[in-house]
Amino acid sequence: SWLLPSTEREYRKGIRALEAYLERLGNADAADARFYSRADNLREYLALVEKRLGSIGQQLSASTGEQRRNTDLSGDPNATESAAIGREVRVRTSWFEIDDVFYEARGTTWALVHFLRAIEHDFAGVLDNKNAEASLGQIIRELEASQRPLWSPIVLNGAGFGMFANHSLVMANYIARANAAVIDLRRLLEQG
């Protein structure tokens, strides 16, 4: 049914598309599946990773509830909003969504570890030329640390310095360190 497609069917379509791409990638005559391991391509990808990690870190940090400056209109001097919200907004993840956000972050970091390991291989020449292997290795190490087993049967949301752990803040810490390392790596790649 087009309204509610089966998950398995969508997975099969995705697998077929990936296999077709990999086949074209291995074919020297296929012009639509070129892959160039250059520093500028890696920088662009790392910019996306940086944004994604920053977004995940913000979502995880919202588990404690915090006052933030309203940045909804940042970057556009002509932007307006339909209703005035104010300069400060209170941001807090719902108790029912804390585990969803945690496991989304965990899944994203798991996938990023594998993408970055592939980048270690595919961009080895670029990384070696910029002496950046250690920087990428540090990013991978921080993301791998976020994959440590969770020994609690539930995702706890204790206060920052309270008696119980706040698993979201622990994950946000690893992600923030990885994100800082991504920023450093991008700067390193920008240097001639």
C-alpha atoms as a PDB file:
ATOM      1  CA  SER A   1       0.000   0.000   0.000  1.00  0.00           C
ATOM      2  CA  TRP A   2       1.347   3.459  -0.853  1.00  0.00           C
ATOM      3  CA  LEU A   3      -0.165   4.954   2.279  1.00  0.00           C
ATOM      4  CA  LEU A   4       1.536   2.571   4.686  1.00  0.00           C
ATOM      5  CA  PRO A   5       4.439   0.910   2.851  1.00  0.00           C
ATOM      6  CA  SER A   6       5.944  -2.075   4.586  1.00  0.00           C
ATOM      7  CA  THR A   7       9.263  -1.405   6.240  1.00  0.00           C
ATOM      8  CA  GLU A   8      10.814  -4.490   4.697  1.00  0.00           C
ATOM      9  CA  ARG A   9       9.864  -3.395   1.174  1.00  0.00           C
ATOM     10  CA  GLU A  10      11.452   0.007   1.747  1.00  0.00           C
ATOM     11  CA  TYR A  11      14.599  -1.644   3.099  1.00  0.00           C
ATOM     12  CA  ARG A  12      14.776  -3.883   0.009  1.00  0.00           C
ATOM     13  CA  LYS A  13      14.450  -0.836  -2.260  1.00  0.00           C
ATOM     14  CA  GLY A  14      17.238   0.878  -0.346  1.00  0.00           C
ATOM     15  CA  ILE A  15      19.479  -2.180  -0.554  1.00  0.00           C
ATOM     16  CA  ARG A  16      18.892  -2.470  -4.312  1.00  0.00           C
ATOM     17  CA  ALA A  17      19.704   1.229  -4.785  1.00  0.00           C
ATOM     18  CA  LEU A  18      22.897   0.869  -2.728  1.00  0.00           C
ATOM     19  CA  GLU A  19      23.971  -2.241  -4.640  1.00  0.00           C
ATOM     20  CA  ALA A  20      23.350  -0.456  -7.965  1.00  0.00           C
ATOM     21  CA  TYR A  21      25.423   2.513  -6.788  1.00  0.00           C
ATOM     22  CA  LEU A  22      28.267   0.272  -5.626  1.00  0.00           C
ATOM     23  CA  GLU A  23      28.224  -1.508  -8.982  1.00  0.00           C
ATOM     24  CA  ARG A  24      28.408   1.825 -10.835  1.00  0.00           C
ATOM     25  CA  LEU A  25      31.124   3.016  -8.472  1.00  0.00           C
ATOM     26  CA  GLY A  26      33.254  -0.002  -9.400  1.00  0.00           C
ATOM     27  CA  ASN A  27      32.669   0.535 -13.133  1.00  0.00           C
ATOM     28  CA  ALA A  28      35.235   2.915 -14.635  1.00  0.00           C
ATOM     29  CA  ASP A  29      32.858   3.753 -17.507  1.00  0.00           C
ATOM     30  CA  ALA A  30      29.980   4.914 -15.275  1.00  0.00           C
ATOM     31  CA  ALA A  31      30.186   8.706 -15.180  1.00  0.00           C
ATOM     32  CA  ASP A  32      27.371   9.186 -12.654  1.00  0.00           C
ATOM     33  CA  ALA A  33      29.097   7.455  -9.739  1.00  0.00           C
ATOM     34  CA  ARG A  34      32.431   9.181  -9.356  1.00  0.00           C
ATOM     35  CA  PHE A  35      34.104   9.525  -6.001  1.00  0.00           C
ATOM     36  CA  TYR A  36      36.873  12.066  -5.427  1.00  0.00           C
ATOM     37  CA  SER A  37      38.914  11.880  -2.243  1.00  0.00           C
ATOM     38  CA  ARG A  38      39.977  15.516  -1.987  1.00  0.00           C
ATOM     39  CA  ALA A  39      40.374  17.750   1.047  1.00  0.00           C
ATOM     40  CA  ASP A  40      37.546  20.073  -0.034  1.00  0.00           C
ATOM     41  CA  ASN A  41      35.103  17.160  -0.313  1.00  0.00           C
ATOM     42  CA  LEU A  42      36.087  15.919   3.129  1.00  0.00           C
ATOM     43  CA  ARG A  43      35.702  19.431   4.579  1.00  0.00           C
ATOM     44  CA  GLU A  44      32.179  19.688   3.166  1.00  0.00           C
ATOM     45  CA  TYR A  45      31.210  16.337   4.643  1.00  0.00           C
ATOM     46  CA  LEU A  46      32.718  17.259   8.008  1.00  0.00           C
ATOM     47  CA  ALA A  47      30.660  20.472   7.981  1.00  0.00           C
ATOM     48  CA  LEU A  48      27.529  18.307   7.804  1.00  0.00           C
ATOM     49  CA  VAL A  49      28.842  16.077  10.590  1.00  0.00           C
ATOM     50  CA  GLU A  50      29.550  19.165  12.696  1.00  0.00           C
ATOM     51  CA  LYS A  51      25.987  20.435  12.291  1.00  0.00           C
ATOM     52  CA  ARG A  52      24.516  17.026  13.056  1.00  0.00           C
ATOM     53  CA  LEU A  53      26.622  16.543  16.178  1.00  0.00           C
ATOM     54  CA  GLY A  54      25.784  20.064  17.354  1.00  0.00           C
ATOM     55  CA  SER A  55      22.078  19.423  16.900  1.00  0.00           C
ATOM     56  CA  ILE A  56      22.226  16.109  18.740  1.00  0.00           C
ATOM     57  CA  GLY A  57      24.227  17.681  21.564  1.00  0.00           C
ATOM     58  CA  GLN A  58      21.597  20.416  21.950  1.00  0.00           C
ATOM     59  CA  GLN A  59      18.787  17.853  22.047  1.00  0.00           C
ATOM     60  CA  LEU A  60      20.593  15.771  24.659  1.00  0.00           C
ATOM     61  CA  SER A  61      21.400  18.817  26.788  1.00  0.00           C
ATOM     62  CA  ALA A  62      17.743  19.827  26.781  1.00  0.00           C
ATOM     63  CA  SER A  63      17.054  16.839  29.051  1.00  0.00           C
ATOM     64  CA  THR A  64      17.852  19.038  32.062  1.00  0.00           C
ATOM     65  CA  GLY A  65      15.720  21.963  30.972  1.00  0.00           C
ATOM     66  CA  GLU A  66      17.460  25.253  30.417  1.00  0.00           C
ATOM     67  CA  GLN A  67      16.943  28.865  29.514  1.00  0.00           C
ATOM     68  CA  ARG A  68      18.325  29.665  26.073  1.00  0.00           C
ATOM     69  CA  ARG A  69      18.498  32.744  23.932  1.00  0.00           C
ATOM     70  CA  ASN A  70      15.916  32.562  21.174  1.00  0.00           C
ATOM     71  CA  THR A  71      17.987  31.985  18.024  1.00  0.00           C
ATOM     72  CA  ASP A  72      15.116  31.076  15.695  1.00  0.00           C
ATOM     73  CA  LEU A  73      15.650  34.155  13.531  1.00  0.00           C
ATOM     74  CA  SER A  74      19.452  34.250  13.703  1.00  0.00           C
ATOM     75  CA  GLY A  75      21.307  34.859  10.487  1.00  0.00           C
ATOM     76  CA  ASP A  76      18.499  36.617   8.600  1.00  0.00           C
ATOM     77  CA  PRO A  77      18.168  40.357   9.310  1.00  0.00           C
ATOM     78  CA  ASN A  78      14.785  40.520   7.528  1.00  0.00           C
ATOM     79  CA  ALA A  79      13.199  37.527   9.275  1.00  0.00           C
ATOM     80  CA  THR A  80      10.009  37.987  11.253  1.00  0.00           C
ATOM     81  CA  GLU A  81       7.929  35.690  13.383  1.00  0.00           C
ATOM     82  CA  SER A  82       4.166  35.289  13.462  1.00  0.00           C
ATOM     83  CA  ALA A  83       3.983  35.801  17.225  1.00  0.00           C
ATOM     84  CA  ALA A  84       6.511  37.398  19.545  1.00  0.00           C
ATOM     85  CA  ILE A  85       8.150  34.751  21.698  1.00  0.00           C
ATOM     86  CA  GLY A  86      10.747  36.791  23.528  1.00  0.00           C
ATOM     87  CA  ARG A  87      14.499  36.773  23.834  1.00  0.00           C
ATOM     88  CA  GLU A  88      14.665  33.849  26.242  1.00  0.00           C
ATOM     89  CA  VAL A  89      12.965  30.478  25.829  1.00  0.00           C
ATOM     90  CA  ARG A  90      12.778  27.515  28.181  1.00  0.00           C
ATOM     91  CA  VAL A  91      13.816  24.294  26.452  1.00  0.00           C
ATOM     92  CA  ARG A  92      13.211  20.907  28.016  1.00  0.00           C
ATOM     93  CA  THR A  93      12.843  17.459  26.522  1.00  0.00           C
ATOM     94  CA  SER A  94       9.650  15.736  27.586  1.00  0.00           C
ATOM     95  CA  TRP A  95      10.142  12.904  30.068  1.00  0.00           C
ATOM     96  CA  PHE A  96       8.499  10.562  27.551  1.00  0.00           C
ATOM     97  CA  GLU A  97      10.991  11.515  24.818  1.00  0.00           C
ATOM     98  CA  ILE A  98      14.272  11.387  26.749  1.00  0.00           C
ATOM     99  CA  ASP A  99      15.014   7.785  25.829  1.00  0.00           C
ATOM    100  CA  ASP A 100      14.033   8.433  22.190  1.00  0.00           C
ATOM    101  CA  VAL A 101      16.513  11.311  21.959  1.00  0.00           C
ATOM    102  CA  PHE A 102      19.185   9.257  23.743  1.00  0.00           C
ATOM    103  CA  TYR A 103      18.860   6.262  21.435  1.00  0.00           C
ATOM    104  CA  GLU A 104      18.642   8.467  18.338  1.00  0.00           C
ATOM    105  CA  ALA A 105      21.945  10.035  19.393  1.00  0.00           C
ATOM    106  CA  ARG A 106      23.400   6.608  20.097  1.00  0.00           C
ATOM    107  CA  GLY A 107      22.358   5.331  16.673  1.00  0.00           C
ATOM    108  CA  THR A 108      23.670   8.413  14.912  1.00  0.00           C
ATOM    109  CA  THR A 109      27.039   8.194  16.633  1.00  0.00           C
ATOM    110  CA  TRP A 110      27.225   4.466  15.871  1.00  0.00           C
ATOM    111  CA  ALA A 111      26.672   5.174  12.166  1.00  0.00           C
ATOM    112  CA  LEU A 112      29.171   8.051  12.213  1.00  0.00           C
ATOM    113  CA  VAL A 113      31.856   5.785  13.670  1.00  0.00           C
ATOM    114  CA  HIS A 114      31.481   3.508  10.652  1.00  0.00           C
ATOM    115  CA  PHE A 115      31.388   6.378   8.157  1.00  0.00           C
ATOM    116  CA  LEU A 116      34.510   7.893   9.698  1.00  0.00           C
ATOM    117  CA  ARG A 117      36.329   4.560   9.625  1.00  0.00           C
ATOM    118  CA  ALA A 118      35.543   4.394   5.906  1.00  0.00           C
ATOM    119  CA  ILE A 119      36.848   7.950   5.544  1.00  0.00           C
ATOM    120  CA  GLU A 120      40.057   6.845   7.274  1.00  0.00           C
ATOM    121  CA  HIS A 121      40.523   4.394   4.417  1.00  0.00           C
ATOM    122  CA  ASP A 122      39.133   6.378   1.469  1.00  0.00           C
ATOM    123  CA  PHE A 123      40.823   9.674   2.381  1.00  0.00           C
ATOM    124  CA  ALA A 124      44.066   8.174   3.710  1.00  0.00           C
ATOM    125  CA  GLY A 125      46.152  10.156   1.215  1.00  0.00           C
ATOM    126  CA  VAL A 126      44.475  13.457   2.095  1.00  0.00           C
ATOM    127  CA  LEU A 127      44.752  12.800   5.830  1.00  0.00           C
ATOM    128  CA  ASP A 128      48.400  11.790   5.496  1.00  0.00           C
ATOM    129  CA  ASN A 129      49.183  14.884   3.417  1.00  0.00           C
ATOM    130  CA  LYS A 130      47.657  17.133   6.104  1.00  0.00           C
ATOM    131  CA  ASN A 131      49.066  15.010   8.964  1.00  0.00           C
ATOM    132  CA  ALA A 132      45.488  14.637  10.213  1.00  0.00           C
ATOM    133  CA  GLU A 133      45.200  10.898  10.915  1.00  0.00           C
ATOM    134  CA  ALA A 134      45.440  11.475  14.668  1.00  0.00           C
ATOM    135  CA  SER A 135      42.685  14.101  14.546  1.00  0.00           C
ATOM    136  CA  LEU A 136      40.287  11.747  12.792  1.00  0.00           C
ATOM    137  CA  GLY A 137      41.294   8.956  15.160  1.00  0.00           C
ATOM    138  CA  GLN A 138      40.377  11.159  18.129  1.00  0.00           C
ATOM    139  CA  ILE A 139      36.927  11.855  16.683  1.00  0.00           C
ATOM    140  CA  ILE A 140      36.351   8.135  16.220  1.00  0.00           C
ATOM    141  CA  ARG A 141      37.560   7.431  19.769  1.00  0.00           C
ATOM    142  CA  GLU A 142      35.123   9.958  21.274  1.00  0.00           C
ATOM    143  CA  LEU A 143      32.215   8.578  19.259  1.00  0.00           C
ATOM    144  CA  GLU A 144      33.139   5.009  20.206  1.00  0.00           C
ATOM    145  CA  ALA A 145      33.098   6.047  23.872  1.00  0.00           C
ATOM    146  CA  SER A 146      29.459   7.061  23.404  1.00  0.00           C
ATOM    147  CA  GLN A 147      28.713   3.435  22.501  1.00  0.00           C
ATOM    148  CA  ARG A 148      29.682   1.975  25.864  1.00  0.00           C
ATOM    149  CA  PRO A 149      27.061  -0.375  27.316  1.00  0.00           C
ATOM    150  CA  LEU A 150      24.236   1.213  29.272  1.00  0.00           C
ATOM    151  CA  TRP A 151      23.963  -0.848  32.451  1.00  0.00           C
ATOM    152  CA  SER A 152      20.756   0.768  33.640  1.00  0.00           C
ATOM    153  CA  PRO A 153      17.495  -0.821  32.460  1.00  0.00           C
ATOM    154  CA  ILE A 154      16.199   2.687  31.685  1.00  0.00           C
ATOM    155  CA  VAL A 155      17.712   5.947  30.494  1.00  0.00           C
ATOM    156  CA  LEU A 156      18.058   7.981  33.678  1.00  0.00           C
ATOM    157  CA  ASN A 157      17.527  11.717  33.728  1.00  0.00           C
ATOM    158  CA  GLY A 158      18.971  12.729  37.061  1.00  0.00           C
ATOM    159  CA  ALA A 159      19.966  16.260  37.932  1.00  0.00           C
ATOM    160  CA  GLY A 160      23.345  17.404  36.674  1.00  0.00           C
ATOM    161  CA  PHE A 161      24.985  16.968  40.074  1.00  0.00           C
ATOM    162  CA  GLY A 162      22.314  14.809  41.685  1.00  0.00           C
ATOM    163  CA  MET A 163      22.335  11.325  43.135  1.00  0.00           C
ATOM    164  CA  PHE A 164      21.268   9.636  39.898  1.00  0.00           C
ATOM    165  CA  ALA A 165      23.030   9.709  36.555  1.00  0.00           C
ATOM    166  CA  ASN A 166      21.874  11.763  33.627  1.00  0.00           C
ATOM    167  CA  HIS A 167      22.694   9.524  30.684  1.00  0.00           C
ATOM    168  CA  SER A 168      21.775  12.232  28.182  1.00  0.00           C
ATOM    169  CA  LEU A 169      24.379  14.608  29.625  1.00  0.00           C
ATOM    170  CA  VAL A 170      27.056  11.908  29.581  1.00  0.00           C
ATOM    171  CA  MET A 171      26.291  11.221  25.915  1.00  0.00           C
ATOM    172  CA  ALA A 172      26.225  14.983  25.192  1.00  0.00           C
ATOM    173  CA  ASN A 173      29.716  15.264  26.700  1.00  0.00           C
ATOM    174  CA  TYR A 174      31.186  12.663  24.337  1.00  0.00           C
ATOM    175  CA  ILE A 175      29.399  14.254  21.394  1.00  0.00           C
ATOM    176  CA  ALA A 176      30.616  17.751  22.323  1.00  0.00           C
ATOM    177  CA  ARG A 177      34.212  16.523  22.476  1.00  0.00           C
ATOM    178  CA  ALA A 178      33.833  14.750  19.133  1.00  0.00           C
ATOM    179  CA  ASN A 179      32.276  17.886  17.645  1.00  0.00           C
ATOM    180  CA  ALA A 180      35.172  20.032  18.876  1.00  0.00           C
ATOM    181  CA  ALA A 181      37.579  17.579  17.245  1.00  0.00           C
ATOM    182  CA  VAL A 182      35.574  17.756  13.981  1.00  0.00           C
ATOM    183  CA  ILE A 183      35.888  21.552  14.030  1.00  0.00           C
ATOM    184  CA  ASP A 184      39.647  21.252  14.588  1.00  0.00           C
ATOM    185  CA  LEU A 185      39.968  18.750  11.734  1.00  0.00           C
ATOM    186  CA  ARG A 186      38.031  21.007   9.365  1.00  0.00           C
ATOM    187  CA  ARG A 187      40.341  23.916  10.219  1.00  0.00           C
ATOM    188  CA  LEU A 188      43.360  21.706   9.655  1.00  0.00           C
ATOM    189  CA  LEU A 189      42.037  20.659   6.230  1.00  0.00           C
ATOM    190  CA  GLU A 190      41.408  24.304   5.268  1.00  0.00           C
ATOM    191  CA  GLN A 191      45.052  25.171   5.758  1.00  0.00           C
ATOM    192  CA  GLY A 192      47.029  24.881   2.534  1.00  0.00           C
END
